[in-house]
Amino acid sequence: MDFVNEVIKKQKISNSFIKRAGGKEAIEKELDQ
């Protein structure tokens, strides 16, 4: 998630965009895939 957060920061991805992707909790569950 540190790497994903770095991507989010560099890309200036908004919270609403993250929510549309299922939220950080959903993202974290899929990281190993």
PDB file of all heavy atoms in Angstrom:
ATOM      1  N   MET A   1       0.829  -1.203   0.000  1.00  0.00           N
ATOM      2  CA  MET A   1       0.000   0.000   0.000  1.00  0.00           C
ATOM      3  C   MET A   1       0.866   1.257   0.000  1.00  0.00           C
ATOM      4  O   MET A   1       0.441   2.296  -0.503  1.00  0.00           O
ATOM      5  CB  MET A   1      -0.947  -0.008   1.193  1.00  0.00           C
ATOM      6  CG  MET A   1      -2.173  -0.890   0.999  1.00  0.00           C
ATOM      7  SD  MET A   1      -3.108  -0.547  -0.543  1.00  0.00           S
ATOM      8  CE  MET A   1      -3.644   1.142  -0.265  1.00  0.00           C
ATOM      9  N   ASP A   2       2.082   1.157   0.537  1.00  0.00           N
ATOM     10  CA  ASP A   2       2.980   2.314   0.464  1.00  0.00           C
ATOM     11  C   ASP A   2       3.273   2.668  -0.991  1.00  0.00           C
ATOM     12  O   ASP A   2       3.285   3.849  -1.364  1.00  0.00           O
ATOM     13  CB  ASP A   2       4.293   2.023   1.197  1.00  0.00           C
ATOM     14  CG  ASP A   2       4.135   2.052   2.714  1.00  0.00           C
ATOM     15  OD1 ASP A   2       3.130   2.632   3.190  1.00  0.00           O
ATOM     16  OD2 ASP A   2       5.016   1.502   3.411  1.00  0.00           O
ATOM     17  N   PHE A   3       3.510   1.641  -1.806  1.00  0.00           N
ATOM     18  CA  PHE A   3       3.768   1.885  -3.226  1.00  0.00           C
ATOM     19  C   PHE A   3       2.523   2.446  -3.912  1.00  0.00           C
ATOM     20  O   PHE A   3       2.599   3.407  -4.681  1.00  0.00           O
ATOM     21  CB  PHE A   3       4.206   0.602  -3.924  1.00  0.00           C
ATOM     22  CG  PHE A   3       4.432   0.757  -5.405  1.00  0.00           C
ATOM     23  CD1 PHE A   3       5.613   1.283  -5.888  1.00  0.00           C
ATOM     24  CD2 PHE A   3       3.450   0.383  -6.307  1.00  0.00           C
ATOM     25  CE1 PHE A   3       5.822   1.445  -7.252  1.00  0.00           C
ATOM     26  CE2 PHE A   3       3.640   0.535  -7.672  1.00  0.00           C
ATOM     27  CZ  PHE A   3       4.835   1.070  -8.141  1.00  0.00           C
ATOM     28  N   VAL A   4       1.364   1.852  -3.628  1.00  0.00           N
ATOM     29  CA  VAL A   4       0.116   2.331  -4.227  1.00  0.00           C
ATOM     30  C   VAL A   4      -0.150   3.777  -3.808  1.00  0.00           C
ATOM     31  O   VAL A   4      -0.553   4.613  -4.628  1.00  0.00           O
ATOM     32  CB  VAL A   4      -1.065   1.426  -3.829  1.00  0.00           C
ATOM     33  CG1 VAL A   4      -2.391   2.021  -4.305  1.00  0.00           C
ATOM     34  CG2 VAL A   4      -0.880   0.033  -4.407  1.00  0.00           C
ATOM     35  N   ASN A   5       0.108   4.097  -2.539  1.00  0.00           N
ATOM     36  CA  ASN A   5      -0.087   5.468  -2.069  1.00  0.00           C
ATOM     37  C   ASN A   5       0.862   6.432  -2.765  1.00  0.00           C
ATOM     38  O   ASN A   5       0.514   7.589  -3.027  1.00  0.00           O
ATOM     39  CB  ASN A   5       0.118   5.540  -0.555  1.00  0.00           C
ATOM     40  CG  ASN A   5      -1.043   4.929   0.211  1.00  0.00           C
ATOM     41  OD1 ASN A   5      -2.180   4.956  -0.249  1.00  0.00           O
ATOM     42  ND2 ASN A   5      -0.755   4.371   1.382  1.00  0.00           N
ATOM     43  N   GLU A   6       2.059   5.940  -3.086  1.00  0.00           N
ATOM     44  CA  GLU A   6       3.011   6.773  -3.826  1.00  0.00           C
ATOM     45  C   GLU A   6       2.488   7.055  -5.236  1.00  0.00           C
ATOM     46  O   GLU A   6       2.578   8.179  -5.731  1.00  0.00           O
ATOM     47  CB  GLU A   6       4.366   6.065  -3.893  1.00  0.00           C
ATOM     48  CG  GLU A   6       5.483   6.937  -4.462  1.00  0.00           C
ATOM     49  CD  GLU A   6       6.836   6.249  -4.427  1.00  0.00           C
ATOM     50  OE1 GLU A   6       6.909   5.108  -3.927  1.00  0.00           O
ATOM     51  OE2 GLU A   6       7.810   6.849  -4.905  1.00  0.00           O
ATOM     52  N   VAL A   7       1.906   6.031  -5.866  1.00  0.00           N
ATOM     53  CA  VAL A   7       1.295   6.216  -7.177  1.00  0.00           C
ATOM     54  C   VAL A   7       0.146   7.219  -7.085  1.00  0.00           C
ATOM     55  O   VAL A   7       0.023   8.134  -7.909  1.00  0.00           O
ATOM     56  CB  VAL A   7       0.782   4.873  -7.745  1.00  0.00           C
ATOM     57  CG1 VAL A   7      -0.041   5.103  -9.005  1.00  0.00           C
ATOM     58  CG2 VAL A   7       1.948   3.941  -8.041  1.00  0.00           C
ATOM     59  N   ILE A   8      -0.691   7.047  -6.076  1.00  0.00           N
ATOM     60  CA  ILE A   8      -1.831   7.946  -5.889  1.00  0.00           C
ATOM     61  C   ILE A   8      -1.359   9.389  -5.707  1.00  0.00           C
ATOM     62  O   ILE A   8      -1.923  10.323  -6.287  1.00  0.00           O
ATOM     63  CB  ILE A   8      -2.670   7.493  -4.673  1.00  0.00           C
ATOM     64  CG1 ILE A   8      -3.392   6.176  -4.995  1.00  0.00           C
ATOM     65  CG2 ILE A   8      -3.678   8.569  -4.263  1.00  0.00           C
ATOM     66  CD1 ILE A   8      -4.054   5.527  -3.788  1.00  0.00           C
ATOM     67  N   LYS A   9      -0.309   9.571  -4.920  1.00  0.00           N
ATOM     68  CA  LYS A   9       0.225  10.911  -4.673  1.00  0.00           C
ATOM     69  C   LYS A   9       0.820  11.516  -5.933  1.00  0.00           C
ATOM     70  O   LYS A   9       0.543  12.670  -6.281  1.00  0.00           O
ATOM     71  CB  LYS A   9       1.292  10.843  -3.577  1.00  0.00           C
ATOM     72  CG  LYS A   9       1.886  12.198  -3.216  1.00  0.00           C
ATOM     73  CD  LYS A   9       2.925  12.039  -2.105  1.00  0.00           C
ATOM     74  CE  LYS A   9       3.557  13.389  -1.765  1.00  0.00           C
ATOM     75  NZ  LYS A   9       4.582  13.248  -0.682  1.00  0.00           N
ATOM     76  N   LYS A  10       1.633  10.732  -6.638  1.00  0.00           N
ATOM     77  CA  LYS A  10       2.274  11.230  -7.856  1.00  0.00           C
ATOM     78  C   LYS A  10       1.238  11.577  -8.918  1.00  0.00           C
ATOM     79  O   LYS A  10       1.402  12.529  -9.682  1.00  0.00           O
ATOM     80  CB  LYS A  10       3.249  10.189  -8.403  1.00  0.00           C
ATOM     81  CG  LYS A  10       4.477   9.978  -7.535  1.00  0.00           C
ATOM     82  CD  LYS A  10       5.418  11.160  -7.594  1.00  0.00           C
ATOM     83  CE  LYS A  10       6.696  10.872  -6.822  1.00  0.00           C
ATOM     84  NZ  LYS A  10       7.628  12.026  -6.852  1.00  0.00           N
ATOM     85  N   GLN A  11       0.158  10.776  -8.975  1.00  0.00           N
ATOM     86  CA  GLN A  11      -0.866  10.981  -9.989  1.00  0.00           C
ATOM     87  C   GLN A  11      -1.939  11.972  -9.560  1.00  0.00           C
ATOM     88  O   GLN A  11      -2.813  12.314 -10.339  1.00  0.00           O
ATOM     89  CB  GLN A  11      -1.554   9.654 -10.323  1.00  0.00           C
ATOM     90  CG  GLN A  11      -0.628   8.575 -10.798  1.00  0.00           C
ATOM     91  CD  GLN A  11      -0.936   8.193 -12.217  1.00  0.00           C
ATOM     92  OE1 GLN A  11      -0.049   8.095 -13.006  1.00  0.00           O
ATOM     93  NE2 GLN A  11      -2.179   8.014 -12.569  1.00  0.00           N
ATOM     94  N   LYS A  12      -1.841  12.382  -8.283  1.00  0.00           N
ATOM     95  CA  LYS A  12      -2.838  13.299  -7.734  1.00  0.00           C
ATOM     96  C   LYS A  12      -4.246  12.713  -7.882  1.00  0.00           C
ATOM     97  O   LYS A  12      -5.189  13.388  -8.299  1.00  0.00           O
ATOM     98  CB  LYS A  12      -2.748  14.673  -8.414  1.00  0.00           C
ATOM     99  CG  LYS A  12      -1.390  15.345  -8.222  1.00  0.00           C
ATOM    100  CD  LYS A  12      -1.330  16.706  -8.913  1.00  0.00           C
ATOM    101  CE  LYS A  12       0.036  17.342  -8.718  1.00  0.00           C
ATOM    102  NZ  LYS A  12       0.150  18.652  -9.412  1.00  0.00           N
ATOM    103  N   ILE A  13      -4.364  11.434  -7.576  1.00  0.00           N
ATOM    104  CA  ILE A  13      -5.642  10.741  -7.685  1.00  0.00           C
ATOM    105  C   ILE A  13      -6.541  11.164  -6.526  1.00  0.00           C
ATOM    106  O   ILE A  13      -6.134  11.117  -5.363  1.00  0.00           O
ATOM    107  CB  ILE A  13      -5.440   9.218  -7.689  1.00  0.00           C
ATOM    108  CG1 ILE A  13      -4.628   8.805  -8.926  1.00  0.00           C
ATOM    109  CG2 ILE A  13      -6.768   8.475  -7.655  1.00  0.00           C
ATOM    110  CD1 ILE A  13      -4.287   7.332  -8.984  1.00  0.00           C
ATOM    111  N   SER A  14      -7.741  11.564  -6.822  1.00  0.00           N
ATOM    112  CA  SER A  14      -8.663  12.089  -5.824  1.00  0.00           C
ATOM    113  C   SER A  14      -9.280  10.965  -4.997  1.00  0.00           C
ATOM    114  O   SER A  14      -9.305   9.794  -5.400  1.00  0.00           O
ATOM    115  CB  SER A  14      -9.771  12.894  -6.499  1.00  0.00           C
ATOM    116  OG  SER A  14     -10.600  12.028  -7.251  1.00  0.00           O
ATOM    117  N   ASN A  15      -9.821  11.343  -3.830  1.00  0.00           N
ATOM    118  CA  ASN A  15     -10.499  10.368  -2.965  1.00  0.00           C
ATOM    119  C   ASN A  15     -11.732   9.790  -3.650  1.00  0.00           C
ATOM    120  O   ASN A  15     -12.045   8.606  -3.482  1.00  0.00           O
ATOM    121  CB  ASN A  15     -10.890  11.034  -1.649  1.00  0.00           C
ATOM    122  CG  ASN A  15      -9.693  11.296  -0.754  1.00  0.00           C
ATOM    123  OD1 ASN A  15      -8.693  10.585  -0.809  1.00  0.00           O
ATOM    124  ND2 ASN A  15      -9.788  12.323   0.080  1.00  0.00           N
ATOM    125  N   SER A  16     -12.429  10.629  -4.430  1.00  0.00           N
ATOM    126  CA  SER A  16     -13.624  10.142  -5.118  1.00  0.00           C
ATOM    127  C   SER A  16     -13.259   9.089  -6.152  1.00  0.00           C
ATOM    128  O   SER A  16     -13.984   8.115  -6.356  1.00  0.00           O
ATOM    129  CB  SER A  16     -14.359  11.311  -5.787  1.00  0.00           C
ATOM    130  OG  SER A  16     -13.518  11.995  -6.689  1.00  0.00           O
ATOM    131  N   PHE A  17     -12.099   9.259  -6.791  1.00  0.00           N
ATOM    132  CA  PHE A  17     -11.632   8.269  -7.757  1.00  0.00           C
ATOM    133  C   PHE A  17     -11.307   6.957  -7.051  1.00  0.00           C
ATOM    134  O   PHE A  17     -11.642   5.871  -7.533  1.00  0.00           O
ATOM    135  CB  PHE A  17     -10.403   8.812  -8.482  1.00  0.00           C
ATOM    136  CG  PHE A  17      -9.809   7.862  -9.490  1.00  0.00           C
ATOM    137  CD1 PHE A  17     -10.291   7.809 -10.773  1.00  0.00           C
ATOM    138  CD2 PHE A  17      -8.764   7.019  -9.141  1.00  0.00           C
ATOM    139  CE1 PHE A  17      -9.740   6.933 -11.705  1.00  0.00           C
ATOM    140  CE2 PHE A  17      -8.212   6.145 -10.056  1.00  0.00           C
ATOM    141  CZ  PHE A  17      -8.714   6.108 -11.339  1.00  0.00           C
ATOM    142  N   ILE A  18     -10.659   7.065  -5.891  1.00  0.00           N
ATOM    143  CA  ILE A  18     -10.301   5.875  -5.125  1.00  0.00           C
ATOM    144  C   ILE A  18     -11.564   5.136  -4.672  1.00  0.00           C
ATOM    145  O   ILE A  18     -11.637   3.903  -4.721  1.00  0.00           O
ATOM    146  CB  ILE A  18      -9.423   6.260  -3.924  1.00  0.00           C
ATOM    147  CG1 ILE A  18      -8.086   6.832  -4.424  1.00  0.00           C
ATOM    148  CG2 ILE A  18      -9.166   5.049  -3.030  1.00  0.00           C
ATOM    149  CD1 ILE A  18      -7.260   7.479  -3.343  1.00  0.00           C
ATOM    150  N   LYS A  19     -12.577   5.904  -4.254  1.00  0.00           N
ATOM    151  CA  LYS A  19     -13.839   5.284  -3.848  1.00  0.00           C
ATOM    152  C   LYS A  19     -14.472   4.548  -5.016  1.00  0.00           C
ATOM    153  O   LYS A  19     -15.045   3.476  -4.852  1.00  0.00           O
ATOM    154  CB  LYS A  19     -14.791   6.354  -3.311  1.00  0.00           C
ATOM    155  CG  LYS A  19     -14.401   6.893  -1.940  1.00  0.00           C
ATOM    156  CD  LYS A  19     -15.398   7.939  -1.468  1.00  0.00           C
ATOM    157  CE  LYS A  19     -15.019   8.477  -0.090  1.00  0.00           C
ATOM    158  NZ  LYS A  19     -15.971   9.528   0.360  1.00  0.00           N
ATOM    159  N   ARG A  20     -14.381   5.152  -6.212  1.00  0.00           N
ATOM    160  CA  ARG A  20     -14.945   4.511  -7.403  1.00  0.00           C
ATOM    161  C   ARG A  20     -14.240   3.184  -7.695  1.00  0.00           C
ATOM    162  O   ARG A  20     -14.830   2.255  -8.247  1.00  0.00           O
ATOM    163  CB  ARG A  20     -14.825   5.451  -8.597  1.00  0.00           C
ATOM    164  CG  ARG A  20     -15.439   4.898  -9.877  1.00  0.00           C
ATOM    165  CD  ARG A  20     -15.505   5.991 -10.943  1.00  0.00           C
ATOM    166  NE  ARG A  20     -15.993   5.422 -12.176  1.00  0.00           N
ATOM    167  CZ  ARG A  20     -15.214   4.961 -13.158  1.00  0.00           C
ATOM    168  NH1 ARG A  20     -13.912   5.016 -13.029  1.00  0.00           N
ATOM    169  NH2 ARG A  20     -15.731   4.456 -14.251  1.00  0.00           N
ATOM    170  N   ALA A  21     -12.974   3.091  -7.307  1.00  0.00           N
ATOM    171  CA  ALA A  21     -12.211   1.860  -7.505  1.00  0.00           C
ATOM    172  C   ALA A  21     -12.430   0.865  -6.362  1.00  0.00           C
ATOM    173  O   ALA A  21     -11.768  -0.171  -6.309  1.00  0.00           O
ATOM    174  CB  ALA A  21     -10.728   2.182  -7.645  1.00  0.00           C
ATOM    175  N   GLY A  22     -13.341   1.206  -5.449  1.00  0.00           N
ATOM    176  CA  GLY A  22     -13.655   0.286  -4.366  1.00  0.00           C
ATOM    177  C   GLY A  22     -13.088   0.679  -3.023  1.00  0.00           C
ATOM    178  O   GLY A  22     -13.352   0.019  -2.012  1.00  0.00           O
ATOM    179  N   GLY A  23     -12.245   1.747  -3.002  1.00  0.00           N
ATOM    180  CA  GLY A  23     -11.630   2.185  -1.757  1.00  0.00           C
ATOM    181  C   GLY A  23     -10.331   1.466  -1.473  1.00  0.00           C
ATOM    182  O   GLY A  23     -10.033   0.408  -2.035  1.00  0.00           O
ATOM    183  N   LYS A  24      -9.530   2.035  -0.569  1.00  0.00           N
ATOM    184  CA  LYS A  24      -8.213   1.478  -0.287  1.00  0.00           C
ATOM    185  C   LYS A  24      -8.276   0.094   0.351  1.00  0.00           C
ATOM    186  O   LYS A  24      -7.393  -0.741   0.127  1.00  0.00           O
ATOM    187  CB  LYS A  24      -7.418   2.443   0.605  1.00  0.00           C
ATOM    188  CG  LYS A  24      -6.945   3.692  -0.135  1.00  0.00           C
ATOM    189  CD  LYS A  24      -5.983   4.507   0.708  1.00  0.00           C
ATOM    190  CE  LYS A  24      -5.463   5.711  -0.066  1.00  0.00           C
ATOM    191  NZ  LYS A  24      -4.501   6.511   0.713  1.00  0.00           N
ATOM    192  N   GLU A  25      -9.312  -0.155   1.126  1.00  0.00           N
ATOM    193  CA  GLU A  25      -9.425  -1.476   1.750  1.00  0.00           C
ATOM    194  C   GLU A  25      -9.613  -2.562   0.694  1.00  0.00           C
ATOM    195  O   GLU A  25      -9.006  -3.635   0.768  1.00  0.00           O
ATOM    196  CB  GLU A  25     -10.595  -1.486   2.732  1.00  0.00           C
ATOM    197  CG  GLU A  25     -10.331  -0.698   4.006  1.00  0.00           C
ATOM    198  CD  GLU A  25     -11.443  -0.854   5.011  1.00  0.00           C
ATOM    199  OE1 GLU A  25     -12.379  -1.656   4.745  1.00  0.00           O
ATOM    200  OE2 GLU A  25     -11.389  -0.200   6.068  1.00  0.00           O
ATOM    201  N   ALA A  26     -10.450  -2.257  -0.311  1.00  0.00           N
ATOM    202  CA  ALA A  26     -10.669  -3.217  -1.398  1.00  0.00           C
ATOM    203  C   ALA A  26      -9.403  -3.397  -2.220  1.00  0.00           C
ATOM    204  O   ALA A  26      -9.068  -4.516  -2.638  1.00  0.00           O
ATOM    205  CB  ALA A  26     -11.813  -2.744  -2.286  1.00  0.00           C
ATOM    206  N   ILE A  27      -8.688  -2.296  -2.464  1.00  0.00           N
ATOM    207  CA  ILE A  27      -7.432  -2.361  -3.219  1.00  0.00           C
ATOM    208  C   ILE A  27      -6.426  -3.233  -2.477  1.00  0.00           C
ATOM    209  O   ILE A  27      -5.755  -4.092  -3.066  1.00  0.00           O
ATOM    210  CB  ILE A  27      -6.866  -0.947  -3.460  1.00  0.00           C
ATOM    211  CG1 ILE A  27      -7.764  -0.172  -4.421  1.00  0.00           C
ATOM    212  CG2 ILE A  27      -5.436  -1.021  -4.001  1.00  0.00           C
ATOM    213  CD1 ILE A  27      -7.387   1.291  -4.577  1.00  0.00           C
ATOM    214  N   GLU A  28      -6.317  -3.025  -1.165  1.00  0.00           N
ATOM    215  CA  GLU A  28      -5.331  -3.771  -0.368  1.00  0.00           C
ATOM    216  C   GLU A  28      -5.596  -5.271  -0.409  1.00  0.00           C
ATOM    217  O   GLU A  28      -4.663  -6.080  -0.421  1.00  0.00           O
ATOM    218  CB  GLU A  28      -5.337  -3.264   1.067  1.00  0.00           C
ATOM    219  CG  GLU A  28      -4.230  -3.832   1.918  1.00  0.00           C
ATOM    220  CD  GLU A  28      -4.082  -3.117   3.241  1.00  0.00           C
ATOM    221  OE1 GLU A  28      -4.980  -2.322   3.606  1.00  0.00           O
ATOM    222  OE2 GLU A  28      -3.054  -3.355   3.922  1.00  0.00           O
ATOM    223  N   LYS A  29      -6.859  -5.659  -0.469  1.00  0.00           N
ATOM    224  CA  LYS A  29      -7.213  -7.072  -0.509  1.00  0.00           C
ATOM    225  C   LYS A  29      -6.766  -7.753  -1.798  1.00  0.00           C
ATOM    226  O   LYS A  29      -6.570  -8.963  -1.837  1.00  0.00           O
ATOM    227  CB  LYS A  29      -8.718  -7.237  -0.340  1.00  0.00           C
ATOM    228  CG  LYS A  29      -9.226  -6.929   1.061  1.00  0.00           C
ATOM    229  CD  LYS A  29     -10.733  -7.102   1.145  1.00  0.00           C
ATOM    230  CE  LYS A  29     -11.246  -6.770   2.539  1.00  0.00           C
ATOM    231  NZ  LYS A  29     -12.725  -6.899   2.628  1.00  0.00           N
ATOM    232  N   GLU A  30      -6.605  -6.959  -2.882  1.00  0.00           N
ATOM    233  CA  GLU A  30      -6.248  -7.525  -4.185  1.00  0.00           C
ATOM    234  C   GLU A  30      -4.774  -7.379  -4.538  1.00  0.00           C
ATOM    235  O   GLU A  30      -4.343  -7.797  -5.615  1.00  0.00           O
ATOM    236  CB  GLU A  30      -7.081  -6.871  -5.295  1.00  0.00           C
ATOM    237  CG  GLU A  30      -8.563  -7.187  -5.248  1.00  0.00           C
ATOM    238  CD  GLU A  30      -9.281  -6.701  -6.507  1.00  0.00           C
ATOM    239  OE1 GLU A  30      -8.717  -6.829  -7.615  1.00  0.00           O
ATOM    240  OE2 GLU A  30     -10.407  -6.184  -6.371  1.00  0.00           O
ATOM    241  N   LEU A  31      -3.980  -6.775  -3.664  1.00  0.00           N
ATOM    242  CA  LEU A  31      -2.597  -6.437  -4.003  1.00  0.00           C
ATOM    243  C   LEU A  31      -1.792  -7.619  -4.518  1.00  0.00           C
ATOM    244  O   LEU A  31      -1.001  -7.485  -5.457  1.00  0.00           O
ATOM    245  CB  LEU A  31      -1.886  -5.832  -2.789  1.00  0.00           C
ATOM    246  CG  LEU A  31      -2.240  -4.397  -2.410  1.00  0.00           C
ATOM    247  CD1 LEU A  31      -1.403  -3.948  -1.219  1.00  0.00           C
ATOM    248  CD2 LEU A  31      -2.040  -3.453  -3.596  1.00  0.00           C
ATOM    249  N   ASP A  32      -1.990  -8.797  -3.902  1.00  0.00           N
ATOM    250  CA  ASP A  32      -1.174  -9.953  -4.291  1.00  0.00           C
ATOM    251  C   ASP A  32      -1.567 -10.532  -5.641  1.00  0.00           C
ATOM    252  O   ASP A  32      -0.929 -11.458  -6.142  1.00  0.00           O
ATOM    253  CB  ASP A  32      -1.240 -11.046  -3.221  1.00  0.00           C
ATOM    254  CG  ASP A  32      -2.650 -11.587  -3.009  1.00  0.00           C
ATOM    255  OD1 ASP A  32      -3.613 -10.966  -3.518  1.00  0.00           O
ATOM    256  OD2 ASP A  32      -2.794 -12.619  -2.329  1.00  0.00           O
ATOM    257  N   GLN A  33      -2.617  -9.986  -6.269  1.00  0.00           N
ATOM    258  CA  GLN A  33      -3.070 -10.485  -7.567  1.00  0.00           C
ATOM    259  C   GLN A  33      -2.545  -9.659  -8.739  1.00  0.00           C
ATOM    260  O   GLN A  33      -2.811  -9.980  -9.891  1.00  0.00           O
ATOM    261  CB  GLN A  33      -4.600 -10.484  -7.602  1.00  0.00           C
ATOM    262  CG  GLN A  33      -5.251 -11.332  -6.529  1.00  0.00           C
ATOM    263  CD  GLN A  33      -6.759 -11.201  -6.539  1.00  0.00           C
ATOM    264  OE1 GLN A  33      -7.381 -11.077  -7.593  1.00  0.00           O
ATOM    265  NE2 GLN A  33      -7.366 -11.214  -5.356  1.00  0.00           N
TER     266      GLN A  33
END
